[in-house]
Amino acid sequence: MPGGRLRPPPAVGEEVPTVVKRVIVPAVAALALAVVVVGAFFWPGFKNGTEAQRPGSGSQHPEGRPRDRGTSGGDKPGFAEEFDGAELDEAKWAVTRKNDFAEFAVDQVPGAAGSKGRRLRLRCGTRGTDDRTVKCLGVVSRGRLDLSGRKKLELVLDWNNQANGCYLTAAVYLCPTLTTGNPAEQPQWLKLEYVGVPPGKNARAAVWFKDQRSPNWLYDEGWPNKQRTGRKIGRVRLGICFDAGRWQVLEDGRLLFDSGGKWRLPFDRAHLYLQMTSHSNYPPRELFFDAVKFGVGKAIPGIPLPKVESF
């Protein structure tokens, strides 16, 4: 200010100097505009009682990755496991075991001759073990599969050309509850299994369903009137298709069983169990699982049902 003196504030009713107007008015206008912009950004979230979601944040997986909301455009897997690592992935799988063994192994080994990659091996020997118990060994997925809508589960089972498959089974369970024991003891499940037939080289397929009560044996290849001797089981690709509660079981593309409108699943989320069982006093025997894929499937054909494979 001239003379180094400060100008006193204007008295009431006195006109504000032009230089002051030029500074204050634009500042006030800028402040008002900022309030409007900030309010427009946050208001949609606060009016619902929550903070506005940041663009691109989405629903997050516990590990920080975006949650899988399903797949589209064909049978792209929502879950896949090739068992190609040196060891079982303990972040995805847990070992299941019940009763005593002379020896056992759950590991990942090279595939069959001429094949690439590795596969899951279940091995158990039961000589000298308790005759009163059935031995159970396998793996279970730590996460659950979403069976709602149209989905398909596929995997490969290698029966391993058993020299003696008596009292040996290989099974696939879908069960809504998690156990590291025997999934058969859980209150609800769907099971596809292969059962060794004496004298031991053959087997037959079976489908079971349990909902709180005793298990229901839904499919047995016509046994005991048919297939009393079983059949040769090699390396088979298994499939279970789901469509809004209805489900079908397939072996190498052939229909084994269709639930129709009767045996509807009482659950739409399930852990996947891959398991073998053996009675006592058998030498070490091995089974293999591989190429697990789960994702969006095709619609199940309506009634009339396709012909069920009778062997």
C-alpha atoms as a PDB file:
ATOM      1  CA  MET A   1       0.000   0.000   0.000  1.00  0.00           C
ATOM      2  CA  PRO A   2       1.158   3.594  -0.572  1.00  0.00           C
ATOM      3  CA  GLY A   3       3.252   4.833   2.300  1.00  0.00           C
ATOM      4  CA  GLY A   4       3.528   1.307   3.713  1.00  0.00           C
ATOM      5  CA  ARG A   5       0.222   1.624   5.572  1.00  0.00           C
ATOM      6  CA  LEU A   6      -2.540  -0.998   5.471  1.00  0.00           C
ATOM      7  CA  ARG A   7      -5.895   0.121   4.214  1.00  0.00           C
ATOM      8  CA  PRO A   8      -8.577  -0.359   6.891  1.00  0.00           C
ATOM      9  CA  PRO A   9     -11.502  -2.666   6.014  1.00  0.00           C
ATOM     10  CA  PRO A  10     -14.426  -0.901   4.364  1.00  0.00           C
ATOM     11  CA  ALA A  11     -17.177   0.271   6.649  1.00  0.00           C
ATOM     12  CA  VAL A  12     -20.657  -1.102   6.394  1.00  0.00           C
ATOM     13  CA  GLY A  13     -22.290   0.212   3.251  1.00  0.00           C
ATOM     14  CA  GLU A  14     -18.963   1.330   1.796  1.00  0.00           C
ATOM     15  CA  GLU A  15     -18.256   0.023  -1.688  1.00  0.00           C
ATOM     16  CA  VAL A  16     -15.634  -2.741  -1.956  1.00  0.00           C
ATOM     17  CA  PRO A  17     -12.658  -1.690  -4.055  1.00  0.00           C
ATOM     18  CA  THR A  18     -12.512  -3.102  -7.573  1.00  0.00           C
ATOM     19  CA  VAL A  19      -9.156  -4.856  -7.024  1.00  0.00           C
ATOM     20  CA  VAL A  20     -10.640  -6.825  -4.087  1.00  0.00           C
ATOM     21  CA  LYS A  21     -13.639  -7.910  -6.196  1.00  0.00           C
ATOM     22  CA  ARG A  22     -11.294  -9.265  -8.849  1.00  0.00           C
ATOM     23  CA  VAL A  23      -9.608 -11.526  -6.282  1.00  0.00           C
ATOM     24  CA  ILE A  24     -12.523 -12.675  -4.094  1.00  0.00           C
ATOM     25  CA  VAL A  25     -15.258 -13.360  -6.678  1.00  0.00           C
ATOM     26  CA  PRO A  26     -13.287 -15.828  -8.828  1.00  0.00           C
ATOM     27  CA  ALA A  27     -12.042 -17.650  -5.707  1.00  0.00           C
ATOM     28  CA  VAL A  28     -15.573 -18.059  -4.343  1.00  0.00           C
ATOM     29  CA  ALA A  29     -16.815 -19.289  -7.726  1.00  0.00           C
ATOM     30  CA  ALA A  30     -14.016 -21.857  -7.970  1.00  0.00           C
ATOM     31  CA  LEU A  31     -14.745 -23.108  -4.457  1.00  0.00           C
ATOM     32  CA  ALA A  32     -18.461 -23.522  -5.242  1.00  0.00           C
ATOM     33  CA  LEU A  33     -17.673 -25.440  -8.427  1.00  0.00           C
ATOM     34  CA  ALA A  34     -15.362 -27.794  -6.502  1.00  0.00           C
ATOM     35  CA  VAL A  35     -18.100 -28.509  -3.926  1.00  0.00           C
ATOM     36  CA  VAL A  36     -20.556 -29.384  -6.704  1.00  0.00           C
ATOM     37  CA  VAL A  37     -18.112 -31.736  -8.447  1.00  0.00           C
ATOM     38  CA  VAL A  38     -17.105 -33.557  -5.242  1.00  0.00           C
ATOM     39  CA  GLY A  39     -20.735 -33.887  -4.162  1.00  0.00           C
ATOM     40  CA  ALA A  40     -21.748 -35.359  -7.501  1.00  0.00           C
ATOM     41  CA  PHE A  41     -18.984 -37.998  -7.223  1.00  0.00           C
ATOM     42  CA  PHE A  42     -19.694 -39.183  -3.668  1.00  0.00           C
ATOM     43  CA  TRP A  43     -23.462 -38.673  -3.398  1.00  0.00           C
ATOM     44  CA  PRO A  44     -24.562 -41.879  -5.257  1.00  0.00           C
ATOM     45  CA  GLY A  45     -22.689 -44.007  -2.743  1.00  0.00           C
ATOM     46  CA  PHE A  46     -23.623 -42.108   0.407  1.00  0.00           C
ATOM     47  CA  LYS A  47     -27.326 -41.984  -0.425  1.00  0.00           C
ATOM     48  CA  ASN A  48     -27.335 -45.823  -0.232  1.00  0.00           C
ATOM     49  CA  GLY A  49     -25.456 -45.844   3.035  1.00  0.00           C
ATOM     50  CA  THR A  50     -22.188 -47.046   1.466  1.00  0.00           C
ATOM     51  CA  GLU A  51     -19.105 -45.501  -0.027  1.00  0.00           C
ATOM     52  CA  ALA A  52     -19.280 -45.134  -3.801  1.00  0.00           C
ATOM     53  CA  GLN A  53     -17.506 -48.071  -5.447  1.00  0.00           C
ATOM     54  CA  ARG A  54     -14.374 -47.195  -7.335  1.00  0.00           C
ATOM     55  CA  PRO A  55     -14.508 -47.979 -11.042  1.00  0.00           C
ATOM     56  CA  GLY A  56     -13.000 -51.366 -11.790  1.00  0.00           C
ATOM     57  CA  SER A  57     -12.837 -52.515  -8.160  1.00  0.00           C
ATOM     58  CA  GLY A  58     -15.501 -55.223  -8.624  1.00  0.00           C
ATOM     59  CA  SER A  59     -15.957 -58.184  -6.314  1.00  0.00           C
ATOM     60  CA  GLN A  60     -12.621 -59.454  -5.138  1.00  0.00           C
ATOM     61  CA  HIS A  61     -11.302 -62.963  -4.624  1.00  0.00           C
ATOM     62  CA  PRO A  62      -9.758 -63.502  -1.139  1.00  0.00           C
ATOM     63  CA  GLU A  63      -6.355 -63.592  -2.813  1.00  0.00           C
ATOM     64  CA  GLY A  64      -6.991 -60.199  -4.409  1.00  0.00           C
ATOM     65  CA  ARG A  65      -7.960 -61.419  -7.880  1.00  0.00           C
ATOM     66  CA  PRO A  66     -11.373 -60.543  -9.335  1.00  0.00           C
ATOM     67  CA  ARG A  67     -13.955 -63.163  -8.404  1.00  0.00           C
ATOM     68  CA  ASP A  68     -14.847 -65.570 -11.209  1.00  0.00           C
ATOM     69  CA  ARG A  69     -18.402 -64.832 -12.305  1.00  0.00           C
ATOM     70  CA  GLY A  70     -18.603 -67.767 -14.709  1.00  0.00           C
ATOM     71  CA  THR A  71     -17.675 -68.336 -18.306  1.00  0.00           C
ATOM     72  CA  SER A  72     -19.501 -68.162 -21.587  1.00  0.00           C
ATOM     73  CA  GLY A  73     -18.983 -69.001 -25.213  1.00  0.00           C
ATOM     74  CA  GLY A  74     -18.708 -72.808 -25.026  1.00  0.00           C
ATOM     75  CA  ASP A  75     -17.388 -75.273 -22.500  1.00  0.00           C
ATOM     76  CA  LYS A  76     -14.614 -73.121 -21.088  1.00  0.00           C
ATOM     77  CA  PRO A  77     -13.616 -74.457 -17.664  1.00  0.00           C
ATOM     78  CA  GLY A  78     -14.332 -72.398 -14.569  1.00  0.00           C
ATOM     79  CA  PHE A  79     -12.019 -74.774 -12.685  1.00  0.00           C
ATOM     80  CA  ALA A  80      -9.263 -76.902 -14.176  1.00  0.00           C
ATOM     81  CA  GLU A  81      -6.585 -79.191 -12.774  1.00  0.00           C
ATOM     82  CA  GLU A  82      -4.057 -81.173 -14.791  1.00  0.00           C
ATOM     83  CA  PHE A  83      -1.984 -82.308 -11.772  1.00  0.00           C
ATOM     84  CA  ASP A  84       1.134 -81.311 -13.706  1.00  0.00           C
ATOM     85  CA  GLY A  85       3.148 -79.931 -10.807  1.00  0.00           C
ATOM     86  CA  ALA A  86       5.871 -81.776  -8.936  1.00  0.00           C
ATOM     87  CA  GLU A  87       3.596 -81.926  -5.874  1.00  0.00           C
ATOM     88  CA  LEU A  88      -0.101 -81.706  -5.095  1.00  0.00           C
ATOM     89  CA  ASP A  89      -1.227 -78.068  -4.917  1.00  0.00           C
ATOM     90  CA  GLU A  90      -2.201 -77.782  -1.245  1.00  0.00           C
ATOM     91  CA  ALA A  91      -3.852 -74.419  -1.874  1.00  0.00           C
ATOM     92  CA  LYS A  92      -6.444 -76.199  -4.034  1.00  0.00           C
ATOM     93  CA  TRP A  93      -6.559 -79.735  -2.591  1.00  0.00           C
ATOM     94  CA  ALA A  94      -6.449 -81.526   0.755  1.00  0.00           C
ATOM     95  CA  VAL A  95      -5.692 -85.217   1.313  1.00  0.00           C
ATOM     96  CA  THR A  96      -8.532 -87.372   2.673  1.00  0.00           C
ATOM     97  CA  ARG A  97      -7.889 -90.570   4.632  1.00  0.00           C
ATOM     98  CA  LYS A  98      -9.847 -92.911   6.893  1.00  0.00           C
ATOM     99  CA  ASN A  99      -8.730 -96.090   8.749  1.00  0.00           C
ATOM    100  CA  ASP A 100      -5.421 -97.945   8.682  1.00  0.00           C
ATOM    101  CA  PHE A 101      -3.026 -98.714   5.828  1.00  0.00           C
ATOM    102  CA  ALA A 102       0.114-100.798   5.503  1.00  0.00           C
ATOM    103  CA  GLU A 103       1.280 -98.085   3.101  1.00  0.00           C
ATOM    104  CA  PHE A 104      -0.253 -95.284   1.079  1.00  0.00           C
ATOM    105  CA  ALA A 105       0.664 -92.436  -1.266  1.00  0.00           C
ATOM    106  CA  VAL A 106      -1.155 -89.413  -2.688  1.00  0.00           C
ATOM    107  CA  ASP A 107       1.122 -87.720  -5.203  1.00  0.00           C
ATOM    108  CA  GLN A 108       1.600 -86.552  -8.780  1.00  0.00           C
ATOM    109  CA  VAL A 109       3.525 -88.832 -11.110  1.00  0.00           C
ATOM    110  CA  PRO A 110       4.367 -88.968 -14.838  1.00  0.00           C
ATOM    111  CA  GLY A 111       1.468 -89.951 -17.070  1.00  0.00           C
ATOM    112  CA  ALA A 112       1.028 -93.203 -18.963  1.00  0.00           C
ATOM    113  CA  ALA A 113       3.622 -94.194 -21.549  1.00  0.00           C
ATOM    114  CA  GLY A 114       3.500 -91.884 -24.531  1.00  0.00           C
ATOM    115  CA  SER A 115       1.533 -89.156 -22.764  1.00  0.00           C
ATOM    116  CA  LYS A 116       2.759 -85.758 -21.695  1.00  0.00           C
ATOM    117  CA  GLY A 117       2.438 -84.182 -18.281  1.00  0.00           C
ATOM    118  CA  ARG A 118       1.680 -85.745 -14.930  1.00  0.00           C
ATOM    119  CA  ARG A 119      -1.391 -87.073 -13.120  1.00  0.00           C
ATOM    120  CA  LEU A 120      -2.738 -87.731  -9.635  1.00  0.00           C
ATOM    121  CA  ARG A 121      -1.851 -91.124  -8.161  1.00  0.00           C
ATOM    122  CA  LEU A 122      -3.728 -92.793  -5.296  1.00  0.00           C
ATOM    123  CA  ARG A 123      -1.864 -95.837  -3.958  1.00  0.00           C
ATOM    124  CA  CYS A 124      -2.588 -98.019  -0.964  1.00  0.00           C
ATOM    125  CA  GLY A 125      -1.520-101.395   0.443  1.00  0.00           C
ATOM    126  CA  THR A 126      -3.583-103.039   3.172  1.00  0.00           C
ATOM    127  CA  ARG A 127      -1.871-106.307   4.098  1.00  0.00           C
ATOM    128  CA  GLY A 128      -1.941-106.905   7.832  1.00  0.00           C
ATOM    129  CA  THR A 129      -4.519-104.155   8.503  1.00  0.00           C
ATOM    130  CA  ASP A 130      -7.761-104.296  10.485  1.00  0.00           C
ATOM    131  CA  ASP A 131     -10.216-106.695   8.787  1.00  0.00           C
ATOM    132  CA  ARG A 132     -13.189-104.800  10.229  1.00  0.00           C
ATOM    133  CA  THR A 133     -12.646-101.574   8.291  1.00  0.00           C
ATOM    134  CA  VAL A 134     -12.660-100.289   4.716  1.00  0.00           C
ATOM    135  CA  LYS A 135      -9.699 -98.029   3.935  1.00  0.00           C
ATOM    136  CA  CYS A 136     -10.448 -94.681   2.241  1.00  0.00           C
ATOM    137  CA  LEU A 137      -7.865 -92.480   0.523  1.00  0.00           C
ATOM    138  CA  GLY A 138      -8.133 -89.504  -1.800  1.00  0.00           C
ATOM    139  CA  VAL A 139      -8.212 -85.734  -2.228  1.00  0.00           C
ATOM    140  CA  VAL A 140     -10.870 -83.029  -1.877  1.00  0.00           C
ATOM    141  CA  SER A 141     -11.046 -79.588  -3.457  1.00  0.00           C
ATOM    142  CA  ARG A 142     -10.761 -76.843  -0.854  1.00  0.00           C
ATOM    143  CA  GLY A 143     -13.125 -74.624  -2.832  1.00  0.00           C
ATOM    144  CA  ARG A 144     -16.645 -75.541  -3.899  1.00  0.00           C
ATOM    145  CA  LEU A 145     -17.973 -75.833  -7.440  1.00  0.00           C
ATOM    146  CA  ASP A 146     -21.031 -73.767  -8.352  1.00  0.00           C
ATOM    147  CA  LEU A 147     -23.506 -76.297  -9.781  1.00  0.00           C
ATOM    148  CA  SER A 148     -26.303 -73.794 -10.405  1.00  0.00           C
ATOM    149  CA  GLY A 149     -27.482 -73.251 -13.958  1.00  0.00           C
ATOM    150  CA  ARG A 150     -25.922 -75.300 -16.755  1.00  0.00           C
ATOM    151  CA  LYS A 151     -22.558 -76.754 -15.786  1.00  0.00           C
ATOM    152  CA  LYS A 152     -20.383 -79.717 -16.726  1.00  0.00           C
ATOM    153  CA  LEU A 153     -17.699 -81.597 -14.824  1.00  0.00           C
ATOM    154  CA  GLU A 154     -15.222 -83.734 -16.765  1.00  0.00           C
ATOM    155  CA  LEU A 155     -12.250 -85.799 -15.635  1.00  0.00           C
ATOM    156  CA  VAL A 156     -10.222 -88.844 -16.604  1.00  0.00           C
ATOM    157  CA  LEU A 157      -9.991 -92.021 -14.512  1.00  0.00           C
ATOM    158  CA  ASP A 158      -7.409 -94.718 -15.201  1.00  0.00           C
ATOM    159  CA  TRP A 159      -8.398 -98.049 -13.598  1.00  0.00           C
ATOM    160  CA  ASN A 160      -4.783 -99.098 -14.247  1.00  0.00           C
ATOM    161  CA  ASN A 161      -5.434-102.585 -15.624  1.00  0.00           C
ATOM    162  CA  GLN A 162      -5.725-104.115 -12.171  1.00  0.00           C
ATOM    163  CA  ALA A 163      -4.449-107.685 -11.832  1.00  0.00           C
ATOM    164  CA  ASN A 164      -6.730-108.021  -8.830  1.00  0.00           C
ATOM    165  CA  GLY A 165      -9.367-105.329  -8.357  1.00  0.00           C
ATOM    166  CA  CYS A 166     -11.464-107.243  -5.800  1.00  0.00           C
ATOM    167  CA  TYR A 167     -12.886-104.963  -3.101  1.00  0.00           C
ATOM    168  CA  LEU A 168     -11.332-101.949  -4.826  1.00  0.00           C
ATOM    169  CA  THR A 169     -13.299 -98.843  -5.802  1.00  0.00           C
ATOM    170  CA  ALA A 170     -12.547 -95.564  -7.562  1.00  0.00           C
ATOM    171  CA  ALA A 171     -15.067 -92.809  -6.884  1.00  0.00           C
ATOM    172  CA  VAL A 172     -15.975 -89.221  -7.684  1.00  0.00           C
ATOM    173  CA  TYR A 173     -18.052 -87.428  -5.035  1.00  0.00           C
ATOM    174  CA  LEU A 174     -19.809 -84.071  -5.151  1.00  0.00           C
ATOM    175  CA  CYS A 175     -20.598 -83.106  -1.567  1.00  0.00           C
ATOM    176  CA  PRO A 176     -21.595 -79.718  -0.075  1.00  0.00           C
ATOM    177  CA  THR A 177     -19.610 -80.319   3.130  1.00  0.00           C
ATOM    178  CA  LEU A 178     -15.873 -80.605   3.653  1.00  0.00           C
ATOM    179  CA  THR A 179     -14.141 -83.478   5.433  1.00  0.00           C
ATOM    180  CA  THR A 180     -10.651 -84.948   5.376  1.00  0.00           C
ATOM    181  CA  GLY A 181     -12.110 -88.327   6.323  1.00  0.00           C
ATOM    182  CA  ASN A 182     -14.608 -90.375   4.316  1.00  0.00           C
ATOM    183  CA  PRO A 183     -17.126 -88.282   2.307  1.00  0.00           C
ATOM    184  CA  ALA A 184     -19.575 -91.221   2.367  1.00  0.00           C
ATOM    185  CA  GLU A 185     -20.241 -90.343   6.012  1.00  0.00           C
ATOM    186  CA  GLN A 186     -21.502 -86.855   5.106  1.00  0.00           C
ATOM    187  CA  PRO A 187     -25.294 -86.262   5.021  1.00  0.00           C
ATOM    188  CA  GLN A 188     -25.582 -85.280   1.332  1.00  0.00           C
ATOM    189  CA  TRP A 189     -23.682 -86.250  -1.788  1.00  0.00           C
ATOM    190  CA  LEU A 190     -23.732 -87.527  -5.358  1.00  0.00           C
ATOM    191  CA  LYS A 191     -21.298 -90.323  -6.239  1.00  0.00           C
ATOM    192  CA  LEU A 192     -20.078 -92.025  -9.399  1.00  0.00           C
ATOM    193  CA  GLU A 193     -17.878 -95.035  -8.699  1.00  0.00           C
ATOM    194  CA  TYR A 194     -16.296 -98.111 -10.277  1.00  0.00           C
ATOM    195  CA  VAL A 195     -16.329-101.304  -8.218  1.00  0.00           C
ATOM    196  CA  GLY A 196     -13.942-104.191  -8.759  1.00  0.00           C
ATOM    197  CA  VAL A 197     -15.642-107.515  -9.571  1.00  0.00           C
ATOM    198  CA  PRO A 198     -14.182-110.889  -8.481  1.00  0.00           C
ATOM    199  CA  PRO A 199     -11.948-112.528  -9.554  1.00  0.00           C
ATOM    200  CA  GLY A 200     -10.533-109.072  -9.993  1.00  0.00           C
ATOM    201  CA  LYS A 201      -9.725-107.944 -13.523  1.00  0.00           C
ATOM    202  CA  ASN A 202     -13.111-106.363 -14.286  1.00  0.00           C
ATOM    203  CA  ALA A 203     -15.292-103.685 -12.727  1.00  0.00           C
ATOM    204  CA  ARG A 204     -18.726-102.106 -13.107  1.00  0.00           C
ATOM    205  CA  ALA A 205     -20.042 -98.561 -12.751  1.00  0.00           C
ATOM    206  CA  ALA A 206     -22.474 -97.418 -10.077  1.00  0.00           C
ATOM    207  CA  VAL A 207     -24.268 -94.151  -9.316  1.00  0.00           C
ATOM    208  CA  TRP A 208     -25.366 -93.277  -5.775  1.00  0.00           C
ATOM    209  CA  PHE A 209     -27.299 -90.368  -4.265  1.00  0.00           C
ATOM    210  CA  LYS A 210     -27.720 -89.436  -0.608  1.00  0.00           C
ATOM    211  CA  ASP A 211     -29.921 -86.740   0.925  1.00  0.00           C
ATOM    212  CA  GLN A 212     -29.851 -86.942   4.746  1.00  0.00           C
ATOM    213  CA  ARG A 213     -31.165 -90.519   4.794  1.00  0.00           C
ATOM    214  CA  SER A 214     -29.698 -93.829   3.572  1.00  0.00           C
ATOM    215  CA  PRO A 215     -27.848 -93.776   0.233  1.00  0.00           C
ATOM    216  CA  ASN A 216     -29.884 -94.589  -2.877  1.00  0.00           C
ATOM    217  CA  TRP A 217     -28.297 -96.935  -5.404  1.00  0.00           C
ATOM    218  CA  LEU A 218     -29.551 -95.478  -8.682  1.00  0.00           C
ATOM    219  CA  TYR A 219     -27.511 -97.273 -11.330  1.00  0.00           C
ATOM    220  CA  ASP A 220     -25.655-100.608 -11.338  1.00  0.00           C
ATOM    221  CA  GLU A 221     -25.356-101.697 -15.011  1.00  0.00           C
ATOM    222  CA  GLY A 222     -28.219-104.145 -14.400  1.00  0.00           C
ATOM    223  CA  TRP A 223     -26.419-106.150 -11.710  1.00  0.00           C
ATOM    224  CA  PRO A 224     -27.062-108.825 -10.493  1.00  0.00           C
ATOM    225  CA  ASN A 225     -29.220-109.933 -13.446  1.00  0.00           C
ATOM    226  CA  LYS A 226     -26.682-108.473 -15.883  1.00  0.00           C
ATOM    227  CA  GLN A 227     -23.005-107.727 -15.756  1.00  0.00           C
ATOM    228  CA  ARG A 228     -22.283-110.301 -13.060  1.00  0.00           C
ATOM    229  CA  THR A 229     -18.737-110.604 -14.386  1.00  0.00           C
ATOM    230  CA  GLY A 230     -18.240-106.864 -14.871  1.00  0.00           C
ATOM    231  CA  ARG A 231     -16.308-105.456 -17.809  1.00  0.00           C
ATOM    232  CA  LYS A 232     -12.834-104.251 -18.621  1.00  0.00           C
ATOM    233  CA  ILE A 233     -12.296-100.679 -17.420  1.00  0.00           C
ATOM    234  CA  GLY A 234      -9.393 -98.861 -18.969  1.00  0.00           C
ATOM    235  CA  ARG A 235      -8.806 -95.138 -19.147  1.00  0.00           C
ATOM    236  CA  VAL A 236     -12.244 -93.477 -19.261  1.00  0.00           C
ATOM    237  CA  ARG A 237     -13.400 -89.886 -19.547  1.00  0.00           C
ATOM    238  CA  LEU A 238     -16.214 -89.235 -17.091  1.00  0.00           C
ATOM    239  CA  GLY A 239     -18.752 -86.424 -17.267  1.00  0.00           C
ATOM    240  CA  ILE A 240     -21.493 -85.120 -15.024  1.00  0.00           C
ATOM    241  CA  CYS A 241     -23.811 -82.507 -16.570  1.00  0.00           C
ATOM    242  CA  PHE A 242     -26.067 -80.208 -14.530  1.00  0.00           C
ATOM    243  CA  ASP A 243     -29.063 -78.190 -15.638  1.00  0.00           C
ATOM    244  CA  ALA A 244     -31.107 -76.433 -12.921  1.00  0.00           C
ATOM    245  CA  GLY A 245     -31.072 -79.387 -10.514  1.00  0.00           C
ATOM    246  CA  ARG A 246     -31.305 -82.160 -13.077  1.00  0.00           C
ATOM    247  CA  TRP A 247     -28.135 -84.103 -13.844  1.00  0.00           C
ATOM    248  CA  GLN A 248     -26.694 -86.778 -16.121  1.00  0.00           C
ATOM    249  CA  VAL A 249     -23.692 -89.109 -15.801  1.00  0.00           C
ATOM    250  CA  LEU A 250     -21.639 -90.011 -18.880  1.00  0.00           C
ATOM    251  CA  GLU A 251     -18.764 -92.344 -19.661  1.00  0.00           C
ATOM    252  CA  ASP A 252     -16.773 -91.569 -22.810  1.00  0.00           C
ATOM    253  CA  GLY A 253     -19.790 -89.639 -24.099  1.00  0.00           C
ATOM    254  CA  ARG A 254     -22.284 -92.479 -23.446  1.00  0.00           C
ATOM    255  CA  LEU A 255     -25.169 -91.773 -21.107  1.00  0.00           C
ATOM    256  CA  LEU A 256     -25.082 -93.958 -17.997  1.00  0.00           C
ATOM    257  CA  PHE A 257     -27.793 -92.302 -15.929  1.00  0.00           C
ATOM    258  CA  ASP A 258     -30.266 -89.406 -16.125  1.00  0.00           C
ATOM    259  CA  SER A 259     -31.844 -88.127 -12.925  1.00  0.00           C
ATOM    260  CA  GLY A 260     -34.979 -86.917 -14.756  1.00  0.00           C
ATOM    261  CA  GLY A 261     -37.316 -85.019 -12.468  1.00  0.00           C
ATOM    262  CA  LYS A 262     -36.945 -87.312  -9.457  1.00  0.00           C
ATOM    263  CA  TRP A 263     -33.429 -87.185  -8.046  1.00  0.00           C
ATOM    264  CA  ARG A 264     -32.873 -83.437  -8.021  1.00  0.00           C
ATOM    265  CA  LEU A 265     -29.799 -82.131  -6.242  1.00  0.00           C
ATOM    266  CA  PRO A 266     -30.587 -80.607  -2.827  1.00  0.00           C
ATOM    267  CA  PHE A 267     -27.445 -78.439  -3.059  1.00  0.00           C
ATOM    268  CA  ASP A 268     -25.936 -76.114  -5.675  1.00  0.00           C
ATOM    269  CA  ARG A 269     -22.394 -75.853  -4.264  1.00  0.00           C
ATOM    270  CA  ALA A 270     -20.155 -78.866  -3.771  1.00  0.00           C
ATOM    271  CA  HIS A 271     -16.605 -79.931  -3.003  1.00  0.00           C
ATOM    272  CA  LEU A 272     -15.079 -82.383  -5.454  1.00  0.00           C
ATOM    273  CA  TYR A 273     -13.688 -85.611  -3.960  1.00  0.00           C
ATOM    274  CA  LEU A 274     -11.517 -88.116  -5.862  1.00  0.00           C
ATOM    275  CA  GLN A 275     -11.205 -91.302  -3.841  1.00  0.00           C
ATOM    276  CA  MET A 276     -10.184 -94.957  -3.739  1.00  0.00           C
ATOM    277  CA  THR A 277     -11.201 -97.579  -1.183  1.00  0.00           C
ATOM    278  CA  SER A 278      -9.853-101.030  -0.391  1.00  0.00           C
ATOM    279  CA  HIS A 279     -10.561-103.806   2.065  1.00  0.00           C
ATOM    280  CA  SER A 280      -7.781-105.314   4.153  1.00  0.00           C
ATOM    281  CA  ASN A 281      -5.064-107.772   3.100  1.00  0.00           C
ATOM    282  CA  TYR A 282      -4.342-106.559  -0.422  1.00  0.00           C
ATOM    283  CA  PRO A 283      -0.948-105.683  -1.922  1.00  0.00           C
ATOM    284  CA  PRO A 284      -0.335-102.088  -3.030  1.00  0.00           C
ATOM    285  CA  ARG A 285      -2.717-101.010  -5.815  1.00  0.00           C
ATOM    286  CA  GLU A 286      -2.805 -97.749  -7.742  1.00  0.00           C
ATOM    287  CA  LEU A 287      -5.454 -95.628  -9.483  1.00  0.00           C
ATOM    288  CA  PHE A 288      -5.000 -92.393 -11.428  1.00  0.00           C
ATOM    289  CA  PHE A 289      -7.062 -89.243 -11.991  1.00  0.00           C
ATOM    290  CA  ASP A 290      -6.324 -86.499 -14.488  1.00  0.00           C
ATOM    291  CA  ALA A 291      -7.641 -83.620 -16.627  1.00  0.00           C
ATOM    292  CA  VAL A 292     -10.299 -82.216 -14.292  1.00  0.00           C
ATOM    293  CA  LYS A 293     -12.385 -79.512 -15.969  1.00  0.00           C
ATOM    294  CA  PHE A 294     -15.483 -77.717 -14.728  1.00  0.00           C
ATOM    295  CA  GLY A 295     -17.413 -74.900 -16.337  1.00  0.00           C
ATOM    296  CA  VAL A 296     -20.452 -73.833 -18.309  1.00  0.00           C
ATOM    297  CA  GLY A 297     -22.160 -76.737 -20.081  1.00  0.00           C
ATOM    298  CA  LYS A 298     -24.890 -77.285 -22.629  1.00  0.00           C
ATOM    299  CA  ALA A 299     -28.585 -77.720 -21.932  1.00  0.00           C
ATOM    300  CA  ILE A 300     -29.684 -81.251 -21.058  1.00  0.00           C
ATOM    301  CA  PRO A 301     -32.179 -82.555 -23.644  1.00  0.00           C
ATOM    302  CA  GLY A 302     -35.754 -82.658 -22.424  1.00  0.00           C
ATOM    303  CA  ILE A 303     -38.095 -85.615 -22.168  1.00  0.00           C
ATOM    304  CA  PRO A 304     -38.108 -88.149 -23.834  1.00  0.00           C
ATOM    305  CA  LEU A 305     -34.740 -89.081 -22.395  1.00  0.00           C
ATOM    306  CA  PRO A 306     -31.971 -90.526 -24.570  1.00  0.00           C
ATOM    307  CA  LYS A 307     -31.386 -94.252 -24.231  1.00  0.00           C
ATOM    308  CA  VAL A 308     -29.350 -95.165 -21.165  1.00  0.00           C
ATOM    309  CA  GLU A 309     -26.254 -97.276 -21.810  1.00  0.00           C
ATOM    310  CA  SER A 310     -26.937-100.840 -20.666  1.00  0.00           C
ATOM    311  CA  PHE A 311     -23.669-102.582 -21.646  1.00  0.00           C
END
